[in-house]
PDB file of all heavy atoms in Angstrom:
ATOM      1  N   TRP A   1      -5.310  -4.325  -7.024  1.00  0.00           N
ATOM      2  CA  TRP A   1      -4.820  -3.028  -7.323  1.00  0.00           C
ATOM      3  C   TRP A   1      -5.834  -1.980  -7.075  1.00  0.00           C
ATOM      4  O   TRP A   1      -5.683  -0.875  -6.367  1.00  0.00           O
ATOM      5  CB  TRP A   1      -4.077  -2.911  -8.660  1.00  0.00           C
ATOM      6  CG  TRP A   1      -3.550  -1.470  -8.922  1.00  0.00           C
ATOM      7  CD1 TRP A   1      -4.108  -0.448  -9.531  1.00  0.00           C
ATOM      8  CD2 TRP A   1      -2.252  -1.106  -8.565  1.00  0.00           C
ATOM      9  NE1 TRP A   1      -3.328   0.574  -9.576  1.00  0.00           N
ATOM     10  CE2 TRP A   1      -2.091   0.350  -8.998  1.00  0.00           C
ATOM     11  CE3 TRP A   1      -1.154  -1.646  -7.916  1.00  0.00           C
ATOM     12  CZ2 TRP A   1      -0.971   1.039  -8.787  1.00  0.00           C
ATOM     13  CZ3 TRP A   1       0.010  -0.899  -7.827  1.00  0.00           C
ATOM     14  CH2 TRP A   1       0.151   0.385  -8.246  1.00  0.00           C
ATOM     15  N   GLU A   2      -7.061  -2.209  -7.592  1.00  0.00           N
ATOM     16  CA  GLU A   2      -8.098  -1.290  -7.554  1.00  0.00           C
ATOM     17  C   GLU A   2      -8.544  -1.186  -6.060  1.00  0.00           C
ATOM     18  O   GLU A   2      -8.809  -0.065  -5.669  1.00  0.00           O
ATOM     19  CB  GLU A   2      -9.226  -1.693  -8.476  1.00  0.00           C
ATOM     20  CG  GLU A   2      -8.916  -1.566  -9.908  1.00  0.00           C
ATOM     21  CD  GLU A   2      -9.967  -2.166 -10.786  1.00  0.00           C
ATOM     22  OE1 GLU A   2     -10.817  -2.968 -10.205  1.00  0.00           O
ATOM     23  OE2 GLU A   2      -9.827  -2.091 -12.123  1.00  0.00           O
ATOM     24  N   ARG A   3      -8.678  -2.249  -5.394  1.00  0.00           N
ATOM     25  CA  ARG A   3      -9.078  -2.141  -4.026  1.00  0.00           C
ATOM     26  C   ARG A   3      -8.095  -1.508  -3.114  1.00  0.00           C
ATOM     27  O   ARG A   3      -8.437  -0.696  -2.275  1.00  0.00           O
ATOM     28  CB  ARG A   3      -9.300  -3.647  -3.577  1.00  0.00           C
ATOM     29  CG  ARG A   3      -9.648  -3.809  -1.970  1.00  0.00           C
ATOM     30  CD  ARG A   3     -11.148  -3.463  -1.872  1.00  0.00           C
ATOM     31  NE  ARG A   3     -11.357  -3.520  -0.299  1.00  0.00           N
ATOM     32  CZ  ARG A   3     -11.698  -4.641   0.171  1.00  0.00           C
ATOM     33  NH1 ARG A   3     -11.799  -5.783  -0.562  1.00  0.00           N
ATOM     34  NH2 ARG A   3     -12.061  -4.634   1.419  1.00  0.00           N
ATOM     35  N   ASN A   4      -6.778  -1.672  -3.523  1.00  0.00           N
ATOM     36  CA  ASN A   4      -5.813  -0.944  -2.712  1.00  0.00           C
ATOM     37  C   ASN A   4      -5.766   0.549  -2.898  1.00  0.00           C
ATOM     38  O   ASN A   4      -5.648   1.321  -1.969  1.00  0.00           O
ATOM     39  CB  ASN A   4      -4.392  -1.509  -3.180  1.00  0.00           C
ATOM     40  CG  ASN A   4      -3.237  -0.891  -2.327  1.00  0.00           C
ATOM     41  OD1 ASN A   4      -2.951  -1.331  -1.317  1.00  0.00           O
ATOM     42  ND2 ASN A   4      -2.592   0.139  -2.981  1.00  0.00           N
ATOM     43  N   GLU A   5      -6.163   0.880  -4.139  1.00  0.00           N
ATOM     44  CA  GLU A   5      -6.221   2.387  -4.468  1.00  0.00           C
ATOM     45  C   GLU A   5      -7.354   2.957  -3.682  1.00  0.00           C
ATOM     46  O   GLU A   5      -7.422   4.024  -3.047  1.00  0.00           O
ATOM     47  CB  GLU A   5      -6.538   2.615  -5.997  1.00  0.00           C
ATOM     48  CG  GLU A   5      -5.287   2.440  -6.720  1.00  0.00           C
ATOM     49  CD  GLU A   5      -5.443   2.872  -8.215  1.00  0.00           C
ATOM     50  OE1 GLU A   5      -6.013   2.027  -8.879  1.00  0.00           O
ATOM     51  OE2 GLU A   5      -5.056   4.080  -8.570  1.00  0.00           O
ATOM     52  N   GLN A   6      -8.579   2.251  -3.610  1.00  0.00           N
ATOM     53  CA  GLN A   6      -9.728   2.683  -2.743  1.00  0.00           C
ATOM     54  C   GLN A   6      -9.411   2.764  -1.370  1.00  0.00           C
ATOM     55  O   GLN A   6      -9.786   3.757  -0.685  1.00  0.00           O
ATOM     56  CB  GLN A   6     -10.904   1.723  -2.985  1.00  0.00           C
ATOM     57  CG  GLN A   6     -11.338   1.639  -4.392  1.00  0.00           C
ATOM     58  CD  GLN A   6     -12.373   0.560  -4.640  1.00  0.00           C
ATOM     59  OE1 GLN A   6     -12.808  -0.239  -3.619  1.00  0.00           O
ATOM     60  NE2 GLN A   6     -12.808   0.271  -5.808  1.00  0.00           N
ATOM     61  N   ASP A   7      -8.667   1.849  -0.726  1.00  0.00           N
ATOM     62  CA  ASP A   7      -8.366   1.788   0.596  1.00  0.00           C
ATOM     63  C   ASP A   7      -7.304   2.940   0.932  1.00  0.00           C
ATOM     64  O   ASP A   7      -7.197   3.401   2.064  1.00  0.00           O
ATOM     65  CB  ASP A   7      -7.821   0.449   1.098  1.00  0.00           C
ATOM     66  CG  ASP A   7      -8.791  -0.601   1.083  1.00  0.00           C
ATOM     67  OD1 ASP A   7     -10.113  -0.300   0.893  1.00  0.00           O
ATOM     68  OD2 ASP A   7      -8.502  -1.752   1.105  1.00  0.00           O
ATOM     69  N   ASN A   8      -6.643   3.431  -0.033  1.00  0.00           N
ATOM     70  CA  ASN A   8      -5.648   4.427   0.246  1.00  0.00           C
ATOM     71  C   ASN A   8      -5.925   5.735  -0.472  1.00  0.00           C
ATOM     72  O   ASN A   8      -4.875   6.462  -0.625  1.00  0.00           O
ATOM     73  CB  ASN A   8      -4.201   3.919  -0.211  1.00  0.00           C
ATOM     74  CG  ASN A   8      -3.823   2.745   0.641  1.00  0.00           C
ATOM     75  OD1 ASN A   8      -3.416   2.896   1.690  1.00  0.00           O
ATOM     76  ND2 ASN A   8      -3.829   1.506   0.082  1.00  0.00           N
ATOM     77  N   ASN A   9      -7.157   5.948  -0.844  1.00  0.00           N
ATOM     78  CA  ASN A   9      -7.557   7.190  -1.465  1.00  0.00           C
ATOM     79  C   ASN A   9      -6.730   7.641  -2.592  1.00  0.00           C
ATOM     80  O   ASN A   9      -6.366   8.690  -2.882  1.00  0.00           O
ATOM     81  CB  ASN A   9      -7.545   8.384  -0.478  1.00  0.00           C
ATOM     82  CG  ASN A   9      -8.433   8.116   0.710  1.00  0.00           C
ATOM     83  OD1 ASN A   9      -9.520   7.650   0.391  1.00  0.00           O
ATOM     84  ND2 ASN A   9      -8.070   8.432   1.959  1.00  0.00           N
ATOM     85  N   GLY A  10      -6.322   6.533  -3.502  1.00  0.00           N
ATOM     86  CA  GLY A  10      -5.571   6.839  -4.654  1.00  0.00           C
ATOM     87  C   GLY A  10      -4.201   6.941  -4.536  1.00  0.00           C
ATOM     88  O   GLY A  10      -3.416   7.342  -5.396  1.00  0.00           O
ATOM     89  N   ASP A  11      -3.701   6.775  -3.268  1.00  0.00           N
ATOM     90  CA  ASP A  11      -2.147   7.056  -3.032  1.00  0.00           C
ATOM     91  C   ASP A  11      -1.335   5.943  -3.445  1.00  0.00           C
ATOM     92  O   ASP A  11      -1.111   4.898  -2.836  1.00  0.00           O
ATOM     93  CB  ASP A  11      -2.040   7.333  -1.525  1.00  0.00           C
ATOM     94  CG  ASP A  11      -0.464   7.562  -1.250  1.00  0.00           C
ATOM     95  OD1 ASP A  11       0.281   7.840  -2.235  1.00  0.00           O
ATOM     96  OD2 ASP A  11      -0.132   7.596  -0.112  1.00  0.00           O
ATOM     97  N   ILE A  12      -1.127   5.842  -4.906  1.00  0.00           N
ATOM     98  CA  ILE A  12      -0.456   4.679  -5.436  1.00  0.00           C
ATOM     99  C   ILE A  12       1.026   4.406  -4.901  1.00  0.00           C
ATOM    100  O   ILE A  12       1.462   3.439  -4.821  1.00  0.00           O
ATOM    101  CB  ILE A  12      -0.271   5.005  -7.011  1.00  0.00           C
ATOM    102  CG1 ILE A  12      -1.733   5.152  -7.486  1.00  0.00           C
ATOM    103  CG2 ILE A  12       0.467   3.783  -7.638  1.00  0.00           C
ATOM    104  CD1 ILE A  12      -2.024   4.784  -8.903  1.00  0.00           C
ATOM    105  N   ASP A  13       1.559   5.591  -4.479  1.00  0.00           N
ATOM    106  CA  ASP A  13       3.016   5.357  -3.993  1.00  0.00           C
ATOM    107  C   ASP A  13       3.002   4.672  -2.651  1.00  0.00           C
ATOM    108  O   ASP A  13       4.030   4.064  -2.251  1.00  0.00           O
ATOM    109  CB  ASP A  13       3.709   6.726  -3.568  1.00  0.00           C
ATOM    110  CG  ASP A  13       3.980   7.533  -4.887  1.00  0.00           C
ATOM    111  OD1 ASP A  13       4.175   6.736  -5.915  1.00  0.00           O
ATOM    112  OD2 ASP A  13       3.952   8.699  -4.857  1.00  0.00           O
ATOM    113  N   SER A  14       1.776   4.477  -1.922  1.00  0.00           N
ATOM    114  CA  SER A  14       1.796   3.692  -0.646  1.00  0.00           C
ATOM    115  C   SER A  14       1.774   2.205  -0.893  1.00  0.00           C
ATOM    116  O   SER A  14       1.859   1.488   0.025  1.00  0.00           O
ATOM    117  CB  SER A  14       0.503   4.204   0.191  1.00  0.00           C
ATOM    118  OG  SER A  14      -0.517   3.744  -0.379  1.00  0.00           O
ATOM    119  N   PHE A  15       1.484   1.828  -2.225  1.00  0.00           N
ATOM    120  CA  PHE A  15       1.402   0.337  -2.497  1.00  0.00           C
ATOM    121  C   PHE A  15       2.630  -0.272  -2.476  1.00  0.00           C
ATOM    122  O   PHE A  15       3.670   0.031  -3.079  1.00  0.00           O
ATOM    123  CB  PHE A  15       0.666   0.199  -3.848  1.00  0.00           C
ATOM    124  CG  PHE A  15       0.262  -1.260  -4.130  1.00  0.00           C
ATOM    125  CD1 PHE A  15      -0.797  -1.878  -3.542  1.00  0.00           C
ATOM    126  CD2 PHE A  15       1.164  -1.939  -4.950  1.00  0.00           C
ATOM    127  CE1 PHE A  15      -1.050  -3.157  -3.852  1.00  0.00           C
ATOM    128  CE2 PHE A  15       0.810  -3.236  -5.316  1.00  0.00           C
ATOM    129  CZ  PHE A  15      -0.138  -3.827  -4.786  1.00  0.00           C
ATOM    130  N   LYS A  16       2.675  -1.465  -1.783  1.00  0.00           N
ATOM    131  CA  LYS A  16       3.839  -2.453  -1.882  1.00  0.00           C
ATOM    132  C   LYS A  16       3.312  -3.778  -2.215  1.00  0.00           C
ATOM    133  O   LYS A  16       2.424  -4.135  -1.532  1.00  0.00           O
ATOM    134  CB  LYS A  16       4.643  -2.393  -0.506  1.00  0.00           C
ATOM    135  CG  LYS A  16       5.148  -0.928  -0.140  1.00  0.00           C
ATOM    136  CD  LYS A  16       6.218  -0.578  -0.953  1.00  0.00           C
ATOM    137  CE  LYS A  16       6.662   1.043  -0.762  1.00  0.00           C
ATOM    138  NZ  LYS A  16       7.734   1.378  -1.598  1.00  0.00           N
ATOM    139  N   THR A  17       4.157  -4.509  -2.803  1.00  0.00           N
ATOM    140  CA  THR A  17       3.817  -5.918  -2.996  1.00  0.00           C
ATOM    141  C   THR A  17       4.002  -6.702  -1.851  1.00  0.00           C
ATOM    142  O   THR A  17       4.708  -6.449  -0.987  1.00  0.00           O
ATOM    143  CB  THR A  17       4.719  -6.519  -4.189  1.00  0.00           C
ATOM    144  OG1 THR A  17       6.068  -6.428  -3.839  1.00  0.00           O
ATOM    145  CG2 THR A  17       4.459  -5.813  -5.554  1.00  0.00           C
ATOM    146  N   ILE A  18       3.261  -7.976  -1.836  1.00  0.00           N
ATOM    147  CA  ILE A  18       3.277  -8.735  -0.628  1.00  0.00           C
ATOM    148  C   ILE A  18       4.496  -9.598  -0.398  1.00  0.00           C
ATOM    149  O   ILE A  18       4.543 -10.303   0.635  1.00  0.00           O
ATOM    150  CB  ILE A  18       2.025  -9.618  -0.580  1.00  0.00           C
ATOM    151  CG1 ILE A  18       2.105 -10.717  -1.753  1.00  0.00           C
ATOM    152  CG2 ILE A  18       0.746  -8.845  -0.612  1.00  0.00           C
ATOM    153  CD1 ILE A  18       1.112 -11.699  -1.561  1.00  0.00           C
ATOM    154  N   ASP A  19       5.453  -9.436  -1.258  1.00  0.00           N
ATOM    155  CA  ASP A  19       6.731 -10.300  -0.989  1.00  0.00           C
ATOM    156  C   ASP A  19       7.873  -9.372  -0.402  1.00  0.00           C
ATOM    157  O   ASP A  19       9.036  -9.718  -0.585  1.00  0.00           O
ATOM    158  CB  ASP A  19       7.254 -10.801  -2.399  1.00  0.00           C
ATOM    159  CG  ASP A  19       7.704  -9.677  -3.315  1.00  0.00           C
ATOM    160  OD1 ASP A  19       7.368  -8.566  -3.150  1.00  0.00           O
ATOM    161  OD2 ASP A  19       8.474 -10.099  -4.323  1.00  0.00           O
ATOM    162  N   LYS A  20       7.487  -8.485   0.410  1.00  0.00           N
ATOM    163  CA  LYS A  20       8.554  -7.702   1.223  1.00  0.00           C
ATOM    164  C   LYS A  20       8.108  -7.882   2.599  1.00  0.00           C
ATOM    165  O   LYS A  20       6.991  -7.900   2.994  1.00  0.00           O
ATOM    166  CB  LYS A  20       8.390  -6.242   0.720  1.00  0.00           C
ATOM    167  CG  LYS A  20       8.832  -6.021  -0.830  1.00  0.00           C
ATOM    168  CD  LYS A  20      10.300  -6.324  -0.988  1.00  0.00           C
ATOM    169  CE  LYS A  20      10.606  -5.757  -2.370  1.00  0.00           C
ATOM    170  NZ  LYS A  20      10.099  -6.620  -3.450  1.00  0.00           N
ATOM    171  N   ASP A  21       9.263  -7.636   3.436  1.00  0.00           N
ATOM    172  CA  ASP A  21       8.896  -7.665   4.950  1.00  0.00           C
ATOM    173  C   ASP A  21       8.341  -6.319   5.342  1.00  0.00           C
ATOM    174  O   ASP A  21       7.584  -6.313   6.347  1.00  0.00           O
ATOM    175  CB  ASP A  21      10.172  -7.983   5.773  1.00  0.00           C
ATOM    176  CG  ASP A  21      10.607  -9.397   5.673  1.00  0.00           C
ATOM    177  OD1 ASP A  21       9.610 -10.224   5.394  1.00  0.00           O
ATOM    178  OD2 ASP A  21      11.669  -9.821   5.956  1.00  0.00           O
ATOM    179  N   SER A  22       8.625  -5.304   4.633  1.00  0.00           N
ATOM    180  CA  SER A  22       8.119  -4.045   4.971  1.00  0.00           C
ATOM    181  C   SER A  22       7.208  -3.648   3.817  1.00  0.00           C
ATOM    182  O   SER A  22       7.527  -3.408   2.637  1.00  0.00           O
ATOM    183  CB  SER A  22       9.299  -2.979   4.935  1.00  0.00           C
ATOM    184  OG  SER A  22       8.789  -1.693   5.239  1.00  0.00           O
ATOM    185  N   TYR A  23       5.888  -3.440   4.136  1.00  0.00           N
ATOM    186  CA  TYR A  23       4.892  -3.376   3.042  1.00  0.00           C
ATOM    187  C   TYR A  23       4.420  -1.917   2.772  1.00  0.00           C
ATOM    188  O   TYR A  23       4.158  -1.728   1.617  1.00  0.00           O
ATOM    189  CB  TYR A  23       3.634  -4.169   3.641  1.00  0.00           C
ATOM    190  CG  TYR A  23       3.895  -5.518   3.888  1.00  0.00           C
ATOM    191  CD1 TYR A  23       4.414  -6.065   5.172  1.00  0.00           C
ATOM    192  CD2 TYR A  23       3.627  -6.441   2.943  1.00  0.00           C
ATOM    193  CE1 TYR A  23       4.756  -7.265   5.198  1.00  0.00           C
ATOM    194  CE2 TYR A  23       3.838  -7.853   3.187  1.00  0.00           C
ATOM    195  CZ  TYR A  23       4.482  -8.228   4.323  1.00  0.00           C
ATOM    196  OH  TYR A  23       4.713  -9.601   4.347  1.00  0.00           O
ATOM    197  N   TYR A  24       4.349  -1.036   3.764  1.00  0.00           N
ATOM    198  CA  TYR A  24       4.013   0.317   3.399  1.00  0.00           C
ATOM    199  C   TYR A  24       4.962   1.310   3.883  1.00  0.00           C
ATOM    200  O   TYR A  24       5.915   0.944   4.864  1.00  0.00           O
ATOM    201  CB  TYR A  24       2.643   0.605   4.186  1.00  0.00           C
ATOM    202  CG  TYR A  24       1.432   0.287   3.235  1.00  0.00           C
ATOM    203  CD1 TYR A  24       1.025  -1.094   3.146  1.00  0.00           C
ATOM    204  CD2 TYR A  24       0.582   1.378   2.824  1.00  0.00           C
ATOM    205  CE1 TYR A  24      -0.069  -1.351   2.291  1.00  0.00           C
ATOM    206  CE2 TYR A  24      -0.408   0.953   2.045  1.00  0.00           C
ATOM    207  CZ  TYR A  24      -0.813  -0.408   1.844  1.00  0.00           C
ATOM    208  OH  TYR A  24      -1.919  -0.698   1.061  1.00  0.00           O
ATOM    209  N   VAL A  25       5.117   2.498   3.213  1.00  0.00           N
ATOM    210  CA  VAL A  25       5.955   3.569   3.720  1.00  0.00           C
ATOM    211  C   VAL A  25       5.597   3.849   5.152  1.00  0.00           C
ATOM    212  O   VAL A  25       6.478   4.054   6.037  1.00  0.00           O
ATOM    213  CB  VAL A  25       5.845   4.698   2.866  1.00  0.00           C
ATOM    214  CG1 VAL A  25       6.725   5.858   3.402  1.00  0.00           C
ATOM    215  CG2 VAL A  25       6.342   4.311   1.314  1.00  0.00           C
ATOM    216  N   ASN A  26       4.361   3.869   5.470  1.00  0.00           N
ATOM    217  CA  ASN A  26       3.799   4.150   6.776  1.00  0.00           C
ATOM    218  C   ASN A  26       3.686   2.654   7.446  1.00  0.00           C
ATOM    219  O   ASN A  26       2.750   2.069   7.130  1.00  0.00           O
ATOM    220  CB  ASN A  26       2.452   4.722   6.887  1.00  0.00           C
ATOM    221  CG  ASN A  26       1.922   5.001   8.138  1.00  0.00           C
ATOM    222  OD1 ASN A  26       2.652   4.537   9.250  1.00  0.00           O
ATOM    223  ND2 ASN A  26       0.815   5.548   8.406  1.00  0.00           N
ATOM    224  N   SER A  27       4.612   2.250   8.298  1.00  0.00           N
ATOM    225  CA  SER A  27       4.667   0.885   8.785  1.00  0.00           C
ATOM    226  C   SER A  27       3.396   0.630   9.778  1.00  0.00           C
ATOM    227  O   SER A  27       3.133  -0.639  10.046  1.00  0.00           O
ATOM    228  CB  SER A  27       6.019   0.615   9.598  1.00  0.00           C
ATOM    229  OG  SER A  27       6.060   1.483  10.627  1.00  0.00           O
ATOM    230  N   ASN A  28       2.774   1.558  10.129  1.00  0.00           N
ATOM    231  CA  ASN A  28       1.527   1.417  11.103  1.00  0.00           C
ATOM    232  C   ASN A  28       0.300   1.044  10.221  1.00  0.00           C
ATOM    233  O   ASN A  28      -0.724   0.719  10.929  1.00  0.00           O
ATOM    234  CB  ASN A  28       1.320   2.743  11.909  1.00  0.00           C
ATOM    235  CG  ASN A  28       2.482   3.033  12.837  1.00  0.00           C
ATOM    236  OD1 ASN A  28       2.984   2.069  13.514  1.00  0.00           O
ATOM    237  ND2 ASN A  28       2.836   4.319  12.913  1.00  0.00           N
ATOM    238  N   LYS A  29       0.398   1.067   9.089  1.00  0.00           N
ATOM    239  CA  LYS A  29      -0.797   0.824   8.235  1.00  0.00           C
ATOM    240  C   LYS A  29      -0.686  -0.474   7.405  1.00  0.00           C
ATOM    241  O   LYS A  29       0.408  -0.761   6.850  1.00  0.00           O
ATOM    242  CB  LYS A  29      -1.108   1.929   7.117  1.00  0.00           C
ATOM    243  CG  LYS A  29      -2.399   1.771   6.457  1.00  0.00           C
ATOM    244  CD  LYS A  29      -2.587   3.080   5.626  1.00  0.00           C
ATOM    245  CE  LYS A  29      -3.965   2.919   4.886  1.00  0.00           C
ATOM    246  NZ  LYS A  29      -4.285   4.094   4.041  1.00  0.00           N
TER     247      LYS A  29
END
C-alpha cells in the first residue's frame, strides 16, 4: 500500500486490488 501511494503521488483513489481484471481508473497505467 505504501509503495503504491509513492508510485501514485498519494492518489489513493487510483489503487485497485489485484483480483480485478480492471486495475486502475486510468487503464493505461
